[in-house]
Amino acid sequence: MKAEEARRLKELEIENQRLKRVVADQAVDIAILMEANSYLGKHRAPRAGGAS
């Protein structure tokens, strides 16, 4: 493997690690939002005023 190819491979590996962290962070964010949505849906009081 040439030095240039090895350098490019290392760059791609670093970028891949960064993107994996981004995906993991987004998965955590989605899980938190889904849990919050579930909680709010079950514990929210009905709105006053009725239909207009």
PDB file of N, CA and C in Angstrom:
ATOM      1  N   MET A   1       0.858  -1.167   0.000  1.00  0.00           N
ATOM      2  CA  MET A   1       0.000   0.000   0.000  1.00  0.00           C
ATOM      3  C   MET A   1       0.911   1.240   0.000  1.00  0.00           C
ATOM      4  N   LYS A   2       0.579   2.157  -0.831  1.00  0.00           N
ATOM      5  CA  LYS A   2       1.356   3.383  -0.929  1.00  0.00           C
ATOM      6  C   LYS A   2       1.054   4.295   0.261  1.00  0.00           C
ATOM      7  N   ALA A   3       1.988   5.184   0.552  1.00  0.00           N
ATOM      8  CA  ALA A   3       1.827   6.099   1.684  1.00  0.00           C
ATOM      9  C   ALA A   3       0.579   6.964   1.528  1.00  0.00           C
ATOM     10  N   GLU A   4       0.317   7.408   0.307  1.00  0.00           N
ATOM     11  CA  GLU A   4      -0.864   8.239   0.056  1.00  0.00           C
ATOM     12  C   GLU A   4      -2.148   7.457   0.322  1.00  0.00           C
ATOM     13  N   GLU A   5      -2.195   6.205  -0.097  1.00  0.00           N
ATOM     14  CA  GLU A   5      -3.370   5.361   0.148  1.00  0.00           C
ATOM     15  C   GLU A   5      -3.554   5.096   1.642  1.00  0.00           C
ATOM     16  N   ALA A   6      -2.455   4.873   2.346  1.00  0.00           N
ATOM     17  CA  ALA A   6      -2.521   4.639   3.791  1.00  0.00           C
ATOM     18  C   ALA A   6      -3.051   5.881   4.508  1.00  0.00           C
ATOM     19  N   ARG A   7      -2.590   7.053   4.095  1.00  0.00           N
ATOM     20  CA  ARG A   7      -3.056   8.304   4.687  1.00  0.00           C
ATOM     21  C   ARG A   7      -4.545   8.499   4.426  1.00  0.00           C
ATOM     22  N   ARG A   8      -4.971   8.215   3.205  1.00  0.00           N
ATOM     23  CA  ARG A   8      -6.401   8.358   2.863  1.00  0.00           C
ATOM     24  C   ARG A   8      -7.250   7.367   3.655  1.00  0.00           C
ATOM     25  N   LEU A   9      -6.751   6.155   3.817  1.00  0.00           N
ATOM     26  CA  LEU A   9      -7.466   5.148   4.607  1.00  0.00           C
ATOM     27  C   LEU A   9      -7.632   5.625   6.040  1.00  0.00           C
ATOM     28  N   LYS A  10      -6.585   6.186   6.629  1.00  0.00           N
ATOM     29  CA  LYS A  10      -6.655   6.692   7.998  1.00  0.00           C
ATOM     30  C   LYS A  10      -7.673   7.821   8.102  1.00  0.00           C
ATOM     31  N   GLU A  11      -7.682   8.725   7.120  1.00  0.00           N
ATOM     32  CA  GLU A  11      -8.661   9.818   7.106  1.00  0.00           C
ATOM     33  C   GLU A  11     -10.078   9.271   7.063  1.00  0.00           C
ATOM     34  N   LEU A  12     -10.296   8.264   6.238  1.00  0.00           N
ATOM     35  CA  LEU A  12     -11.629   7.672   6.126  1.00  0.00           C
ATOM     36  C   LEU A  12     -12.036   6.959   7.408  1.00  0.00           C
ATOM     37  N   GLU A  13     -11.094   6.315   8.069  1.00  0.00           N
ATOM     38  CA  GLU A  13     -11.400   5.649   9.334  1.00  0.00           C
ATOM     39  C   GLU A  13     -11.791   6.670  10.403  1.00  0.00           C
ATOM     40  N   ILE A  14     -11.086   7.790  10.432  1.00  0.00           N
ATOM     41  CA  ILE A  14     -11.414   8.852  11.394  1.00  0.00           C
ATOM     42  C   ILE A  14     -12.793   9.423  11.108  1.00  0.00           C
ATOM     43  N   GLU A  15     -13.080   9.680   9.835  1.00  0.00           N
ATOM     44  CA  GLU A  15     -14.399  10.204   9.444  1.00  0.00           C
ATOM     45  C   GLU A  15     -15.496   9.197   9.786  1.00  0.00           C
ATOM     46  N   ASN A  16     -15.233   7.927   9.574  1.00  0.00           N
ATOM     47  CA  ASN A  16     -16.205   6.884   9.897  1.00  0.00           C
ATOM     48  C   ASN A  16     -16.508   6.872  11.393  1.00  0.00           C
ATOM     49  N   GLN A  17     -15.488   7.007  12.226  1.00  0.00           N
ATOM     50  CA  GLN A  17     -15.684   7.067  13.677  1.00  0.00           C
ATOM     51  C   GLN A  17     -16.536   8.277  14.054  1.00  0.00           C
ATOM     52  N   ARG A  18     -16.247   9.414  13.428  1.00  0.00           N
ATOM     53  CA  ARG A  18     -17.020  10.630  13.712  1.00  0.00           C
ATOM     54  C   ARG A  18     -18.488  10.445  13.347  1.00  0.00           C
ATOM     55  N   LEU A  19     -18.730   9.867  12.188  1.00  0.00           N
ATOM     56  CA  LEU A  19     -20.109   9.659  11.745  1.00  0.00           C
ATOM     57  C   LEU A  19     -20.840   8.649  12.629  1.00  0.00           C
ATOM     58  N   LYS A  20     -20.142   7.638  13.099  1.00  0.00           N
ATOM     59  CA  LYS A  20     -20.759   6.676  14.012  1.00  0.00           C
ATOM     60  C   LYS A  20     -21.173   7.355  15.317  1.00  0.00           C
ATOM     61  N   ARG A  21     -20.349   8.288  15.806  1.00  0.00           N
ATOM     62  CA  ARG A  21     -20.707   9.033  17.023  1.00  0.00           C
ATOM     63  C   ARG A  21     -21.935   9.902  16.774  1.00  0.00           C
ATOM     64  N   VAL A  22     -22.010  10.520  15.600  1.00  0.00           N
ATOM     65  CA  VAL A  22     -23.167  11.350  15.258  1.00  0.00           C
ATOM     66  C   VAL A  22     -24.436  10.504  15.259  1.00  0.00           C
ATOM     67  N   VAL A  23     -24.373   9.343  14.649  1.00  0.00           N
ATOM     68  CA  VAL A  23     -25.543   8.451  14.592  1.00  0.00           C
ATOM     69  C   VAL A  23     -25.930   8.000  15.997  1.00  0.00           C
ATOM     70  N   ALA A  24     -24.953   7.657  16.824  1.00  0.00           N
ATOM     71  CA  ALA A  24     -25.246   7.233  18.191  1.00  0.00           C
ATOM     72  C   ALA A  24     -25.896   8.374  18.976  1.00  0.00           C
ATOM     73  N   ASP A  25     -25.391   9.594  18.823  1.00  0.00           N
ATOM     74  CA  ASP A  25     -25.975  10.751  19.506  1.00  0.00           C
ATOM     75  C   ASP A  25     -27.412  10.975  19.056  1.00  0.00           C
ATOM     76  N   GLN A  26     -27.654  10.846  17.773  1.00  0.00           N
ATOM     77  CA  GLN A  26     -29.014  11.023  17.265  1.00  0.00           C
ATOM     78  C   GLN A  26     -29.945   9.933  17.783  1.00  0.00           C
ATOM     79  N   ALA A  27     -29.449   8.711  17.897  1.00  0.00           N
ATOM     80  CA  ALA A  27     -30.267   7.621  18.429  1.00  0.00           C
ATOM     81  C   ALA A  27     -30.658   7.909  19.874  1.00  0.00           C
ATOM     82  N   VAL A  28     -29.730   8.438  20.648  1.00  0.00           N
ATOM     83  CA  VAL A  28     -30.033   8.809  22.036  1.00  0.00           C
ATOM     84  C   VAL A  28     -31.065   9.930  22.059  1.00  0.00           C
ATOM     85  N   ASP A  29     -30.885  10.940  21.229  1.00  0.00           N
ATOM     86  CA  ASP A  29     -31.846  12.047  21.159  1.00  0.00           C
ATOM     87  C   ASP A  29     -33.243  11.544  20.811  1.00  0.00           C
ATOM     88  N   ILE A  30     -33.335  10.653  19.851  1.00  0.00           N
ATOM     89  CA  ILE A  30     -34.626  10.107  19.447  1.00  0.00           C
ATOM     90  C   ILE A  30     -35.264   9.334  20.589  1.00  0.00           C
ATOM     91  N   ALA A  31     -34.473   8.532  21.293  1.00  0.00           N
ATOM     92  CA  ALA A  31     -35.003   7.757  22.412  1.00  0.00           C
ATOM     93  C   ALA A  31     -35.529   8.683  23.512  1.00  0.00           C
ATOM     94  N   ILE A  32     -34.786   9.749  23.804  1.00  0.00           N
ATOM     95  CA  ILE A  32     -35.227  10.708  24.824  1.00  0.00           C
ATOM     96  C   ILE A  32     -36.531  11.379  24.400  1.00  0.00           C
ATOM     97  N   LEU A  33     -36.601  11.809  23.151  1.00  0.00           N
ATOM     98  CA  LEU A  33     -37.816  12.476  22.665  1.00  0.00           C
ATOM     99  C   LEU A  33     -39.015  11.536  22.654  1.00  0.00           C
ATOM    100  N   MET A  34     -38.789  10.283  22.288  1.00  0.00           N
ATOM    101  CA  MET A  34     -39.895   9.313  22.281  1.00  0.00           C
ATOM    102  C   MET A  34     -40.388   9.063  23.708  1.00  0.00           C
ATOM    103  N   GLU A  35     -39.462   8.976  24.651  1.00  0.00           N
ATOM    104  CA  GLU A  35     -39.861   8.769  26.042  1.00  0.00           C
ATOM    105  C   GLU A  35     -40.618   9.978  26.577  1.00  0.00           C
ATOM    106  N   ALA A  36     -40.135  11.172  26.271  1.00  0.00           N
ATOM    107  CA  ALA A  36     -40.821  12.385  26.707  1.00  0.00           C
ATOM    108  C   ALA A  36     -42.210  12.475  26.079  1.00  0.00           C
ATOM    109  N   ASN A  37     -42.313  12.139  24.812  1.00  0.00           N
ATOM    110  CA  ASN A  37     -43.603  12.181  24.127  1.00  0.00           C
ATOM    111  C   ASN A  37     -44.572  11.188  24.747  1.00  0.00           C
ATOM    112  N   SER A  38     -44.076  10.006  25.058  1.00  0.00           N
ATOM    113  CA  SER A  38     -44.915   8.991  25.681  1.00  0.00           C
ATOM    114  C   SER A  38     -45.400   9.468  27.047  1.00  0.00           C
ATOM    115  N   TYR A  39     -44.493  10.038  27.832  1.00  0.00           N
ATOM    116  CA  TYR A  39     -44.843  10.523  29.163  1.00  0.00           C
ATOM    117  C   TYR A  39     -45.881  11.633  29.065  1.00  0.00           C
ATOM    118  N   LEU A  40     -45.658  12.588  28.174  1.00  0.00           N
ATOM    119  CA  LEU A  40     -46.585  13.716  28.048  1.00  0.00           C
ATOM    120  C   LEU A  40     -47.941  13.257  27.534  1.00  0.00           C
ATOM    121  N   GLY A  41     -47.952  12.276  26.671  1.00  0.00           N
ATOM    122  CA  GLY A  41     -49.213  11.781  26.138  1.00  0.00           C
ATOM    123  C   GLY A  41     -50.056  11.101  27.196  1.00  0.00           C
ATOM    124  N   LYS A  42     -49.422  10.461  28.167  1.00  0.00           N
ATOM    125  CA  LYS A  42     -50.155   9.733  29.210  1.00  0.00           C
ATOM    126  C   LYS A  42     -50.545  10.624  30.384  1.00  0.00           C
ATOM    127  N   HIS A  43     -49.794  11.686  30.636  1.00  0.00           N
ATOM    128  CA  HIS A  43     -49.978  12.475  31.838  1.00  0.00           C
ATOM    129  C   HIS A  43     -50.489  13.886  31.586  1.00  0.00           C
ATOM    130  N   ARG A  44     -50.817  14.191  30.379  1.00  0.00           N
ATOM    131  CA  ARG A  44     -51.277  15.542  30.073  1.00  0.00           C
ATOM    132  C   ARG A  44     -52.767  15.659  30.423  1.00  0.00           C
ATOM    133  N   ALA A  45     -53.119  16.730  31.079  1.00  0.00           N
ATOM    134  CA  ALA A  45     -54.521  16.988  31.434  1.00  0.00           C
ATOM    135  C   ALA A  45     -55.273  17.444  30.193  1.00  0.00           C
ATOM    136  N   PRO A  46     -56.540  17.083  30.085  1.00  0.00           N
ATOM    137  CA  PRO A  46     -57.332  17.548  28.938  1.00  0.00           C
ATOM    138  C   PRO A  46     -57.427  19.073  28.918  1.00  0.00           C
ATOM    139  N   ARG A  47     -57.522  19.623  27.712  1.00  0.00           N
ATOM    140  CA  ARG A  47     -57.628  21.068  27.578  1.00  0.00           C
ATOM    141  C   ARG A  47     -59.032  21.537  27.988  1.00  0.00           C
ATOM    142  N   ALA A  48     -59.064  22.697  28.585  1.00  0.00           N
ATOM    143  CA  ALA A  48     -60.358  23.298  28.943  1.00  0.00           C
ATOM    144  C   ALA A  48     -60.915  24.055  27.756  1.00  0.00           C
ATOM    145  N   GLY A  49     -62.180  24.236  27.709  1.00  0.00           N
ATOM    146  CA  GLY A  49     -62.780  25.059  26.666  1.00  0.00           C
ATOM    147  C   GLY A  49     -63.567  24.280  25.654  1.00  0.00           C
ATOM    148  N   GLY A  50     -63.256  23.027  25.442  1.00  0.00           N
ATOM    149  CA  GLY A  50     -64.015  22.214  24.512  1.00  0.00           C
ATOM    150  C   GLY A  50     -63.796  22.603  23.066  1.00  0.00           C
ATOM    151  N   ALA A  51     -64.606  22.048  22.169  1.00  0.00           N
ATOM    152  CA  ALA A  51     -64.475  22.304  20.740  1.00  0.00           C
ATOM    153  C   ALA A  51     -65.116  23.615  20.372  1.00  0.00           C
ATOM    154  N   SER A  52     -64.542  24.250  19.368  1.00  0.00           N
ATOM    155  CA  SER A  52     -65.079  25.545  18.901  1.00  0.00           C
ATOM    156  C   SER A  52     -65.895  25.354  17.670  1.00  0.00           C
TER     157      SER A  52
END
